[in-house]
Amino acid sequence: MGGSYYPDYFSLEDILATQERIPVEAMDDLVGLGHLDPGSESADLKKGTKLELPCWAVEVLRAGRSYLGVEVPKTYRELYREILAADPLVVDLQKLGPHYYEFGRHLMRQSQAEGEAIGESLTNTFKARFKKIMDSTQNSSETDTLKETAKMDCLERLLYGQGQATKAGMEEWLTRRTGSIATSHLVTQHRKRRAAFE
């Protein structure tokens, strides 16, 4: 999960992930941006104002010169990273955020102080949980799906669904239910013509 990351402009998951809100503080007076603070009657956003903005808005306002100071959301702070490091399998990622990994990758670029630690936490959490996801897809029935996916974020649910589809395809292939080989129409016609001449 480390390295450079380029969000997918056309990805619905990426769009939804960037709607997640980030706590920020205005580092300067921002002229004409008072509307960003619902409690303000000023036309300008005053220096020191604290508010929460969608991730996409923070990325725009931090491009080039940084007008905002970013505070890491609590679900990505050190306490939560320690909980995930202790036992990532029991944590309910759906409650922490339906797009936990995707939003976390955006957040890595916004926090210089904790970006690397967030990236390591995301990577280690995903690796540990991936094994369980693949094991679940091979050993659970379709009726267990809701129970199995209840604590997964959207990426994990997608992987779980693909794993189950692969398992079903493999079972069909092993039991020869993938369709039978039929004689070509041309071969059938050729045999009929041959039989007519004999």
Foldseek 3Di string as FASTA:
>chain_A
DDDDDDDDPPDPLLVVLQQDKWKKFFQAWAAQPQVVDVVDPDSIDHGGDIDIGGNVVCCVCPPPPHRIQTDGPPCQDPVVLVVCVVPLQPAQVVVVDLSNLSNLQSVLVRDPVCSVVSVVSSVVSCVVVVVVLLVCLQPDDPVCLCVVCRRPHPVSNVVSVVSVVVNVVVVCVVVVVPDDDDDDPVVVVVVVVVVVVD
